[in-house]
């Protein structure tokens, strides 16, 4: 069974409420347009540190989720390590589902 947050991520992707890729996500974090950052559990240590530090500085919540293949597959693209959710509603619902 597909986890609910993965289907919600796919829905957010179709609604164009996501930014993907480390550089793009960090740029949007600086602009404070990202409401939640999803980081794959198999991200490189350097990437994890950079994303966690940047999000911590700008008070943006981060959730470490499944692997990069699952994240990419959920949004219908190649592997993704970092995904930023730009919509408040999607971010709140996804946080609630991930924190269960």
PDB file of N, CA and C in Angstrom:
ATOM      1  N   UNK A   1       0.828  -1.197   0.000  1.00  0.00           N
ATOM      2  CA  UNK A   1       0.000   0.000   0.000  1.00  0.00           C
ATOM      3  C   UNK A   1       0.873   1.264   0.000  1.00  0.00           C
ATOM      4  N   UNK A   2       0.505   2.206  -0.851  1.00  0.00           N
ATOM      5  CA  UNK A   2       1.248   3.460  -0.919  1.00  0.00           C
ATOM      6  C   UNK A   2       0.897   4.304   0.306  1.00  0.00           C
ATOM      7  N   UNK A   3       1.931   4.869   0.926  1.00  0.00           N
ATOM      8  CA  UNK A   3       1.677   5.716   2.083  1.00  0.00           C
ATOM      9  C   UNK A   3       0.971   6.985   1.632  1.00  0.00           C
ATOM     10  N   UNK A   4       0.116   7.518   2.510  1.00  0.00           N
ATOM     11  CA  UNK A   4      -0.701   8.678   2.147  1.00  0.00           C
ATOM     12  C   UNK A   4       0.133   9.900   1.776  1.00  0.00           C
ATOM     13  N   UNK A   5       1.254  10.115   2.480  1.00  0.00           N
ATOM     14  CA  UNK A   5       2.046  11.311   2.206  1.00  0.00           C
ATOM     15  C   UNK A   5       2.654  11.246   0.804  1.00  0.00           C
ATOM     16  N   UNK A   6       2.914  10.024   0.306  1.00  0.00           N
ATOM     17  CA  UNK A   6       3.483   9.876  -1.039  1.00  0.00           C
ATOM     18  C   UNK A   6       2.452  10.271  -2.091  1.00  0.00           C
ATOM     19  N   UNK A   7       1.186   9.854  -1.902  1.00  0.00           N
ATOM     20  CA  UNK A   7       0.135  10.252  -2.848  1.00  0.00           C
ATOM     21  C   UNK A   7      -0.087  11.760  -2.782  1.00  0.00           C
ATOM     22  N   UNK A   8      -0.019  12.315  -1.574  1.00  0.00           N
ATOM     23  CA  UNK A   8      -0.193  13.754  -1.420  1.00  0.00           C
ATOM     24  C   UNK A   8       0.937  14.513  -2.116  1.00  0.00           C
ATOM     25  N   UNK A   9       2.145  13.952  -2.051  1.00  0.00           N
ATOM     26  CA  UNK A   9       3.292  14.560  -2.727  1.00  0.00           C
ATOM     27  C   UNK A   9       3.072  14.580  -4.237  1.00  0.00           C
ATOM     28  N   UNK A  10       2.527  13.477  -4.763  1.00  0.00           N
ATOM     29  CA  UNK A  10       2.207  13.404  -6.185  1.00  0.00           C
ATOM     30  C   UNK A  10       1.164  14.439  -6.572  1.00  0.00           C
ATOM     31  N   UNK A  11       0.171  14.604  -5.713  1.00  0.00           N
ATOM     32  CA  UNK A  11      -0.881  15.598  -5.951  1.00  0.00           C
ATOM     33  C   UNK A  11      -0.291  17.014  -5.947  1.00  0.00           C
ATOM     34  N   UNK A  12       0.594  17.282  -4.992  1.00  0.00           N
ATOM     35  CA  UNK A  12       1.249  18.596  -4.913  1.00  0.00           C
ATOM     36  C   UNK A  12       2.093  18.851  -6.163  1.00  0.00           C
ATOM     37  N   UNK A  13       2.711  17.786  -6.688  1.00  0.00           N
ATOM     38  CA  UNK A  13       3.524  17.928  -7.900  1.00  0.00           C
ATOM     39  C   UNK A  13       2.633  18.294  -9.090  1.00  0.00           C
ATOM     40  N   UNK A  14       1.483  17.628  -9.197  1.00  0.00           N
ATOM     41  CA  UNK A  14       0.566  17.929 -10.300  1.00  0.00           C
ATOM     42  C   UNK A  14      -0.020  19.330 -10.175  1.00  0.00           C
ATOM     43  N   UNK A  15      -0.123  19.819  -8.932  1.00  0.00           N
ATOM     44  CA  UNK A  15      -0.643  21.167  -8.694  1.00  0.00           C
ATOM     45  C   UNK A  15       0.463  22.224  -8.836  1.00  0.00           C
ATOM     46  N   UNK A  16       1.655  21.775  -9.151  1.00  0.00           N
ATOM     47  CA  UNK A  16       2.832  22.648  -9.296  1.00  0.00           C
ATOM     48  C   UNK A  16       3.131  23.436  -8.015  1.00  0.00           C
ATOM     49  N   UNK A  17       3.071  22.737  -6.888  1.00  0.00           N
ATOM     50  CA  UNK A  17       3.336  23.373  -5.596  1.00  0.00           C
ATOM     51  C   UNK A  17       4.638  22.858  -4.978  1.00  0.00           C
ATOM     52  N   UNK A  18       5.545  22.349  -5.827  1.00  0.00           N
ATOM     53  CA  UNK A  18       6.819  21.825  -5.346  1.00  0.00           C
ATOM     54  C   UNK A  18       7.985  22.472  -6.077  1.00  0.00           C
ATOM     55  N   UNK A  19       9.126  22.534  -5.408  1.00  0.00           N
ATOM     56  CA  UNK A  19      10.392  22.827  -6.084  1.00  0.00           C
ATOM     57  C   UNK A  19      11.316  21.669  -5.734  1.00  0.00           C
ATOM     58  N   UNK A  20      12.099  21.228  -6.710  1.00  0.00           N
ATOM     59  CA  UNK A  20      12.971  20.082  -6.449  1.00  0.00           C
ATOM     60  C   UNK A  20      14.402  20.428  -6.813  1.00  0.00           C
ATOM     61  N   UNK A  21      15.304  19.695  -6.218  1.00  0.00           N
ATOM     62  CA  UNK A  21      16.721  19.917  -6.475  1.00  0.00           C
ATOM     63  C   UNK A  21      17.302  20.834  -5.405  1.00  0.00           C
ATOM     64  N   UNK A  22      18.490  20.499  -4.965  1.00  0.00           N
ATOM     65  CA  UNK A  22      19.115  21.201  -3.835  1.00  0.00           C
ATOM     66  C   UNK A  22      19.212  22.715  -4.044  1.00  0.00           C
ATOM     67  N   UNK A  23      19.763  23.140  -5.173  1.00  0.00           N
ATOM     68  CA  UNK A  23      19.967  24.579  -5.399  1.00  0.00           C
ATOM     69  C   UNK A  23      18.653  25.351  -5.434  1.00  0.00           C
ATOM     70  N   UNK A  24      17.670  24.841  -6.186  1.00  0.00           N
ATOM     71  CA  UNK A  24      16.372  25.514  -6.280  1.00  0.00           C
ATOM     72  C   UNK A  24      15.675  25.593  -4.936  1.00  0.00           C
ATOM     73  N   UNK A  25      15.695  24.486  -4.189  1.00  0.00           N
ATOM     74  CA  UNK A  25      15.037  24.457  -2.880  1.00  0.00           C
ATOM     75  C   UNK A  25      15.700  25.466  -1.941  1.00  0.00           C
ATOM     76  N   UNK A  26      17.029  25.489  -1.902  1.00  0.00           N
ATOM     77  CA  UNK A  26      17.727  26.417  -1.001  1.00  0.00           C
ATOM     78  C   UNK A  26      17.454  27.869  -1.392  1.00  0.00           C
ATOM     79  N   UNK A  27      17.345  28.144  -2.694  1.00  0.00           N
ATOM     80  CA  UNK A  27      17.030  29.494  -3.155  1.00  0.00           C
ATOM     81  C   UNK A  27      15.644  29.917  -2.649  1.00  0.00           C
ATOM     82  N   UNK A  28      14.682  28.993  -2.742  1.00  0.00           N
ATOM     83  CA  UNK A  28      13.319  29.291  -2.284  1.00  0.00           C
ATOM     84  C   UNK A  28      13.246  29.363  -0.761  1.00  0.00           C
ATOM     85  N   UNK A  29      14.116  28.607  -0.075  1.00  0.00           N
ATOM     86  CA  UNK A  29      14.175  28.685   1.390  1.00  0.00           C
ATOM     87  C   UNK A  29      14.621  30.098   1.778  1.00  0.00           C
ATOM     88  N   UNK A  30      15.629  30.626   1.076  1.00  0.00           N
ATOM     89  CA  UNK A  30      16.104  31.990   1.359  1.00  0.00           C
ATOM     90  C   UNK A  30      14.997  33.011   1.126  1.00  0.00           C
ATOM     91  N   UNK A  31      14.159  32.774   0.120  1.00  0.00           N
ATOM     92  CA  UNK A  31      13.042  33.680  -0.176  1.00  0.00           C
ATOM     93  C   UNK A  31      11.855  33.450   0.757  1.00  0.00           C
ATOM     94  N   UNK A  32      11.931  32.381   1.539  1.00  0.00           N
ATOM     95  CA  UNK A  32      10.861  31.968   2.464  1.00  0.00           C
ATOM     96  C   UNK A  32       9.558  31.628   1.738  1.00  0.00           C
ATOM     97  N   UNK A  33       9.661  31.076   0.524  1.00  0.00           N
ATOM     98  CA  UNK A  33       8.458  30.650  -0.192  1.00  0.00           C
ATOM     99  C   UNK A  33       8.174  29.172   0.062  1.00  0.00           C
ATOM    100  N   UNK A  34       9.143  28.455   0.641  1.00  0.00           N
ATOM    101  CA  UNK A  34       8.974  27.032   0.927  1.00  0.00           C
ATOM    102  C   UNK A  34       8.417  26.877   2.343  1.00  0.00           C
ATOM    103  N   UNK A  35       7.404  26.024   2.495  1.00  0.00           N
ATOM    104  CA  UNK A  35       6.773  25.826   3.808  1.00  0.00           C
ATOM    105  C   UNK A  35       7.252  24.554   4.501  1.00  0.00           C
ATOM    106  N   UNK A  36       7.775  23.608   3.707  1.00  0.00           N
ATOM    107  CA  UNK A  36       8.254  22.333   4.247  1.00  0.00           C
ATOM    108  C   UNK A  36       9.295  21.773   3.290  1.00  0.00           C
ATOM    109  N   UNK A  37      10.366  21.213   3.852  1.00  0.00           N
ATOM    110  CA  UNK A  37      11.398  20.585   3.020  1.00  0.00           C
ATOM    111  C   UNK A  37      11.440  19.097   3.331  1.00  0.00           C
ATOM    112  N   UNK A  38      11.398  18.288   2.279  1.00  0.00           N
ATOM    113  CA  UNK A  38      11.535  16.835   2.417  1.00  0.00           C
ATOM    114  C   UNK A  38      12.933  16.456   1.956  1.00  0.00           C
ATOM    115  N   UNK A  39      13.636  15.716   2.782  1.00  0.00           N
ATOM    116  CA  UNK A  39      15.010  15.320   2.500  1.00  0.00           C
ATOM    117  C   UNK A  39      15.070  13.799   2.489  1.00  0.00           C
ATOM    118  N   UNK A  40      15.678  13.224   1.468  1.00  0.00           N
ATOM    119  CA  UNK A  40      15.726  11.755   1.414  1.00  0.00           C
ATOM    120  C   UNK A  40      16.704  11.230   2.462  1.00  0.00           C
ATOM    121  N   UNK A  41      16.406  10.057   2.974  1.00  0.00           N
ATOM    122  CA  UNK A  41      17.236   9.469   4.030  1.00  0.00           C
ATOM    123  C   UNK A  41      18.618   9.081   3.515  1.00  0.00           C
ATOM    124  N   UNK A  42      18.740   8.896   2.183  1.00  0.00           N
ATOM    125  CA  UNK A  42      20.043   8.503   1.634  1.00  0.00           C
ATOM    126  C   UNK A  42      20.789   9.671   0.984  1.00  0.00           C
ATOM    127  N   UNK A  43      20.460  10.907   1.409  1.00  0.00           N
ATOM    128  CA  UNK A  43      21.179  12.082   0.909  1.00  0.00           C
ATOM    129  C   UNK A  43      22.609  12.068   1.445  1.00  0.00           C
ATOM    130  N   UNK A  44      23.519  12.678   0.710  1.00  0.00           N
ATOM    131  CA  UNK A  44      24.913  12.764   1.158  1.00  0.00           C
ATOM    132  C   UNK A  44      24.974  13.595   2.436  1.00  0.00           C
ATOM    133  N   UNK A  45      25.924  13.283   3.307  1.00  0.00           N
ATOM    134  CA  UNK A  45      26.049  13.994   4.586  1.00  0.00           C
ATOM    135  C   UNK A  45      26.185  15.502   4.380  1.00  0.00           C
ATOM    136  N   UNK A  46      26.977  15.886   3.373  1.00  0.00           N
ATOM    137  CA  UNK A  46      27.201  17.307   3.092  1.00  0.00           C
ATOM    138  C   UNK A  46      25.883  17.993   2.709  1.00  0.00           C
ATOM    139  N   UNK A  47      25.087  17.313   1.887  1.00  0.00           N
ATOM    140  CA  UNK A  47      23.789  17.855   1.473  1.00  0.00           C
ATOM    141  C   UNK A  47      22.860  17.972   2.668  1.00  0.00           C
ATOM    142  N   UNK A  48      22.809  16.913   3.494  1.00  0.00           N
ATOM    143  CA  UNK A  48      21.958  16.937   4.688  1.00  0.00           C
ATOM    144  C   UNK A  48      22.305  18.131   5.564  1.00  0.00           C
ATOM    145  N   UNK A  49      23.610  18.311   5.817  1.00  0.00           N
ATOM    146  CA  UNK A  49      24.058  19.388   6.694  1.00  0.00           C
ATOM    147  C   UNK A  49      23.673  20.742   6.114  1.00  0.00           C
ATOM    148  N   UNK A  50      23.914  20.934   4.822  1.00  0.00           N
ATOM    149  CA  UNK A  50      23.617  22.214   4.178  1.00  0.00           C
ATOM    150  C   UNK A  50      22.123  22.533   4.265  1.00  0.00           C
ATOM    151  N   UNK A  51      21.286  21.560   3.939  1.00  0.00           N
ATOM    152  CA  UNK A  51      19.832  21.764   3.943  1.00  0.00           C
ATOM    153  C   UNK A  51      19.326  21.996   5.365  1.00  0.00           C
ATOM    154  N   UNK A  52      19.767  21.168   6.307  1.00  0.00           N
ATOM    155  CA  UNK A  52      19.315  21.306   7.697  1.00  0.00           C
ATOM    156  C   UNK A  52      19.745  22.645   8.301  1.00  0.00           C
ATOM    157  N   UNK A  53      20.985  23.061   8.016  1.00  0.00           N
ATOM    158  CA  UNK A  53      21.478  24.344   8.538  1.00  0.00           C
ATOM    159  C   UNK A  53      20.681  25.509   7.960  1.00  0.00           C
ATOM    160  N   UNK A  54      20.487  25.497   6.653  1.00  0.00           N
ATOM    161  CA  UNK A  54      19.776  26.590   5.970  1.00  0.00           C
ATOM    162  C   UNK A  54      18.330  26.668   6.454  1.00  0.00           C
ATOM    163  N   UNK A  55      17.661  25.519   6.535  1.00  0.00           N
ATOM    164  CA  UNK A  55      16.263  25.492   6.980  1.00  0.00           C
ATOM    165  C   UNK A  55      16.155  25.908   8.440  1.00  0.00           C
ATOM    166  N   UNK A  56      17.114  25.497   9.258  1.00  0.00           N
ATOM    167  CA  UNK A  56      17.138  25.881  10.663  1.00  0.00           C
ATOM    168  C   UNK A  56      17.260  27.390  10.802  1.00  0.00           C
ATOM    169  N   UNK A  57      18.130  27.987   9.990  1.00  0.00           N
ATOM    170  CA  UNK A  57      18.350  29.436  10.025  1.00  0.00           C
ATOM    171  C   UNK A  57      17.082  30.202   9.655  1.00  0.00           C
ATOM    172  N   UNK A  58      16.345  29.706   8.663  1.00  0.00           N
ATOM    173  CA  UNK A  58      15.131  30.391   8.203  1.00  0.00           C
ATOM    174  C   UNK A  58      13.847  29.836   8.841  1.00  0.00           C
ATOM    175  N   UNK A  59      13.990  28.972   9.857  1.00  0.00           N
ATOM    176  CA  UNK A  59      12.838  28.381  10.565  1.00  0.00           C
ATOM    177  C   UNK A  59      11.859  27.659   9.647  1.00  0.00           C
ATOM    178  N   UNK A  60      12.390  26.845   8.758  1.00  0.00           N
ATOM    179  CA  UNK A  60      11.536  26.071   7.856  1.00  0.00           C
ATOM    180  C   UNK A  60      11.628  24.604   8.272  1.00  0.00           C
ATOM    181  N   UNK A  61      10.476  23.947   8.512  1.00  0.00           N
ATOM    182  CA  UNK A  61      10.506  22.551   8.970  1.00  0.00           C
ATOM    183  C   UNK A  61      11.065  21.601   7.913  1.00  0.00           C
ATOM    184  N   UNK A  62      11.811  20.611   8.391  1.00  0.00           N
ATOM    185  CA  UNK A  62      12.401  19.594   7.511  1.00  0.00           C
ATOM    186  C   UNK A  62      11.954  18.235   8.008  1.00  0.00           C
ATOM    187  N   UNK A  63      11.604  17.352   7.092  1.00  0.00           N
ATOM    188  CA  UNK A  63      11.298  15.972   7.441  1.00  0.00           C
ATOM    189  C   UNK A  63      12.212  15.070   6.610  1.00  0.00           C
ATOM    190  N   UNK A  64      12.891  14.156   7.292  1.00  0.00           N
ATOM    191  CA  UNK A  64      13.717  13.184   6.574  1.00  0.00           C
ATOM    192  C   UNK A  64      12.821  12.001   6.265  1.00  0.00           C
ATOM    193  N   UNK A  65      12.690  11.685   4.976  1.00  0.00           N
ATOM    194  CA  UNK A  65      11.736  10.668   4.541  1.00  0.00           C
ATOM    195  C   UNK A  65      12.469   9.478   3.915  1.00  0.00           C
ATOM    196  N   UNK A  66      11.767   8.758   3.081  1.00  0.00           N
ATOM    197  CA  UNK A  66      12.331   7.560   2.467  1.00  0.00           C
ATOM    198  C   UNK A  66      13.463   7.902   1.489  1.00  0.00           C
ATOM    199  N   UNK A  67      13.870   6.965   0.694  1.00  0.00           N
ATOM    200  CA  UNK A  67      15.020   7.161  -0.180  1.00  0.00           C
ATOM    201  C   UNK A  67      14.703   8.022  -1.407  1.00  0.00           C
ATOM    202  N   UNK A  68      15.767   8.415  -2.119  1.00  0.00           N
ATOM    203  CA  UNK A  68      15.632   9.332  -3.262  1.00  0.00           C
ATOM    204  C   UNK A  68      14.798   8.743  -4.391  1.00  0.00           C
ATOM    205  N   UNK A  69      14.834   7.433  -4.580  1.00  0.00           N
ATOM    206  CA  UNK A  69      14.049   6.799  -5.649  1.00  0.00           C
ATOM    207  C   UNK A  69      12.554   6.954  -5.375  1.00  0.00           C
ATOM    208  N   UNK A  70      12.148   6.760  -4.123  1.00  0.00           N
ATOM    209  CA  UNK A  70      10.741   6.892  -3.747  1.00  0.00           C
ATOM    210  C   UNK A  70      10.263   8.328  -3.933  1.00  0.00           C
ATOM    211  N   UNK A  71      11.091   9.286  -3.516  1.00  0.00           N
ATOM    212  CA  UNK A  71      10.722  10.695  -3.668  1.00  0.00           C
ATOM    213  C   UNK A  71      10.545  11.055  -5.144  1.00  0.00           C
ATOM    214  N   UNK A  72      11.484  10.618  -5.975  1.00  0.00           N
ATOM    215  CA  UNK A  72      11.388  10.899  -7.411  1.00  0.00           C
ATOM    216  C   UNK A  72      10.175  10.249  -8.032  1.00  0.00           C
ATOM    217  N   UNK A  73       9.948   9.003  -7.678  1.00  0.00           N
ATOM    218  CA  UNK A  73       8.825   8.236  -8.225  1.00  0.00           C
ATOM    219  C   UNK A  73       7.492   8.874  -7.834  1.00  0.00           C
ATOM    220  N   UNK A  74       7.405   9.399  -6.612  1.00  0.00           N
ATOM    221  CA  UNK A  74       6.164  10.013  -6.120  1.00  0.00           C
ATOM    222  C   UNK A  74       5.756  11.215  -6.962  1.00  0.00           C
ATOM    223  N   UNK A  75       6.757  11.937  -7.507  1.00  0.00           N
ATOM    224  CA  UNK A  75       6.424  13.120  -8.304  1.00  0.00           C
ATOM    225  C   UNK A  75       6.580  12.860  -9.798  1.00  0.00           C
ATOM    226  N   UNK A  76       6.802  11.596 -10.161  1.00  0.00           N
ATOM    227  CA  UNK A  76       6.873  11.226 -11.567  1.00  0.00           C
ATOM    228  C   UNK A  76       8.126  11.702 -12.265  1.00  0.00           C
ATOM    229  N   UNK A  77       9.227  11.808 -11.523  1.00  0.00           N
ATOM    230  CA  UNK A  77      10.484  12.259 -12.114  1.00  0.00           C
ATOM    231  C   UNK A  77      11.600  11.294 -11.714  1.00  0.00           C
ATOM    232  N   UNK A  78      12.816  11.642 -12.143  1.00  0.00           N
ATOM    233  CA  UNK A  78      13.977  10.837 -11.750  1.00  0.00           C
ATOM    234  C   UNK A  78      14.212  11.009 -10.249  1.00  0.00           C
ATOM    235  N   UNK A  79      15.226  10.330  -9.723  1.00  0.00           N
ATOM    236  CA  UNK A  79      15.496  10.393  -8.284  1.00  0.00           C
ATOM    237  C   UNK A  79      15.626  11.832  -7.801  1.00  0.00           C
ATOM    238  N   UNK A  80      15.058  12.112  -6.641  1.00  0.00           N
ATOM    239  CA  UNK A  80      15.145  13.444  -6.037  1.00  0.00           C
ATOM    240  C   UNK A  80      15.623  13.308  -4.601  1.00  0.00           C
ATOM    241  N   UNK A  81      16.551  14.169  -4.203  1.00  0.00           N
ATOM    242  CA  UNK A  81      17.094  14.130  -2.851  1.00  0.00           C
ATOM    243  C   UNK A  81      16.398  15.162  -1.964  1.00  0.00           C
ATOM    244  N   UNK A  82      16.101  16.343  -2.541  1.00  0.00           N
ATOM    245  CA  UNK A  82      15.487  17.424  -1.772  1.00  0.00           C
ATOM    246  C   UNK A  82      14.251  17.929  -2.511  1.00  0.00           C
ATOM    247  N   UNK A  83      13.141  18.041  -1.784  1.00  0.00           N
ATOM    248  CA  UNK A  83      11.910  18.587  -2.362  1.00  0.00           C
ATOM    249  C   UNK A  83      11.375  19.641  -1.407  1.00  0.00           C
ATOM    250  N   UNK A  84      10.995  20.784  -1.957  1.00  0.00           N
ATOM    251  CA  UNK A  84      10.396  21.849  -1.153  1.00  0.00           C
ATOM    252  C   UNK A  84       8.928  21.989  -1.502  1.00  0.00           C
ATOM    253  N   UNK A  85       8.072  22.039  -0.484  1.00  0.00           N
ATOM    254  CA  UNK A  85       6.629  22.215  -0.685  1.00  0.00           C
ATOM    255  C   UNK A  85       6.326  23.701  -0.506  1.00  0.00           C
ATOM    256  N   UNK A  86       5.724  24.335  -1.522  1.00  0.00           N
ATOM    257  CA  UNK A  86       5.517  25.785  -1.479  1.00  0.00           C
ATOM    258  C   UNK A  86       4.105  26.186  -1.045  1.00  0.00           C
ATOM    259  N   UNK A  87       3.225  25.228  -0.849  1.00  0.00           N
ATOM    260  CA  UNK A  87       1.847  25.527  -0.493  1.00  0.00           C
ATOM    261  C   UNK A  87       1.595  25.194   0.982  1.00  0.00           C
ATOM    262  N   UNK A  88       0.980  26.143   1.700  1.00  0.00           N
ATOM    263  CA  UNK A  88       0.698  25.960   3.131  1.00  0.00           C
ATOM    264  C   UNK A  88      -0.134  24.720   3.427  1.00  0.00           C
ATOM    265  N   UNK A  89      -1.228  24.551   2.684  1.00  0.00           N
ATOM    266  CA  UNK A  89      -2.143  23.432   2.910  1.00  0.00           C
ATOM    267  C   UNK A  89      -1.456  22.082   2.734  1.00  0.00           C
ATOM    268  N   UNK A  90      -0.733  21.934   1.598  1.00  0.00           N
ATOM    269  CA  UNK A  90      -0.009  20.683   1.356  1.00  0.00           C
ATOM    270  C   UNK A  90       1.035  20.452   2.441  1.00  0.00           C
ATOM    271  N   UNK A  91       1.740  21.512   2.834  1.00  0.00           N
ATOM    272  CA  UNK A  91       2.807  21.383   3.836  1.00  0.00           C
ATOM    273  C   UNK A  91       2.246  20.924   5.178  1.00  0.00           C
ATOM    274  N   UNK A  92       1.131  21.520   5.602  1.00  0.00           N
ATOM    275  CA  UNK A  92       0.538  21.152   6.897  1.00  0.00           C
ATOM    276  C   UNK A  92       0.054  19.710   6.891  1.00  0.00           C
ATOM    277  N   UNK A  93      -0.648  19.322   5.832  1.00  0.00           N
ATOM    278  CA  UNK A  93      -1.187  17.966   5.740  1.00  0.00           C
ATOM    279  C   UNK A  93      -0.051  16.945   5.686  1.00  0.00           C
ATOM    280  N   UNK A  94       0.987  17.256   4.888  1.00  0.00           N
ATOM    281  CA  UNK A  94       2.107  16.325   4.754  1.00  0.00           C
ATOM    282  C   UNK A  94       2.857  16.176   6.072  1.00  0.00           C
ATOM    283  N   UNK A  95       3.041  17.280   6.785  1.00  0.00           N
ATOM    284  CA  UNK A  95       3.698  17.230   8.099  1.00  0.00           C
ATOM    285  C   UNK A  95       2.895  16.343   9.047  1.00  0.00           C
ATOM    286  N   UNK A  96       1.576  16.529   9.043  1.00  0.00           N
ATOM    287  CA  UNK A  96       0.704  15.727   9.914  1.00  0.00           C
ATOM    288  C   UNK A  96       0.830  14.241   9.575  1.00  0.00           C
ATOM    289  N   UNK A  97       0.828  13.905   8.283  1.00  0.00           N
ATOM    290  CA  UNK A  97       0.926  12.497   7.865  1.00  0.00           C
ATOM    291  C   UNK A  97       2.298  11.914   8.208  1.00  0.00           C
ATOM    292  N   UNK A  98       3.357  12.693   8.021  1.00  0.00           N
ATOM    293  CA  UNK A  98       4.713  12.189   8.301  1.00  0.00           C
ATOM    294  C   UNK A  98       4.977  12.036   9.796  1.00  0.00           C
ATOM    295  N   UNK A  99       4.302  12.852  10.607  1.00  0.00           N
ATOM    296  CA  UNK A  99       4.552  12.806  12.054  1.00  0.00           C
ATOM    297  C   UNK A  99       3.716  11.770  12.787  1.00  0.00           C
ATOM    298  N   UNK A 100       2.828  11.068  12.078  1.00  0.00           N
ATOM    299  CA  UNK A 100       1.974  10.059  12.715  1.00  0.00           C
ATOM    300  C   UNK A 100       2.790   8.940  13.308  1.00  0.00           C
TER     301      UNK A 100
END
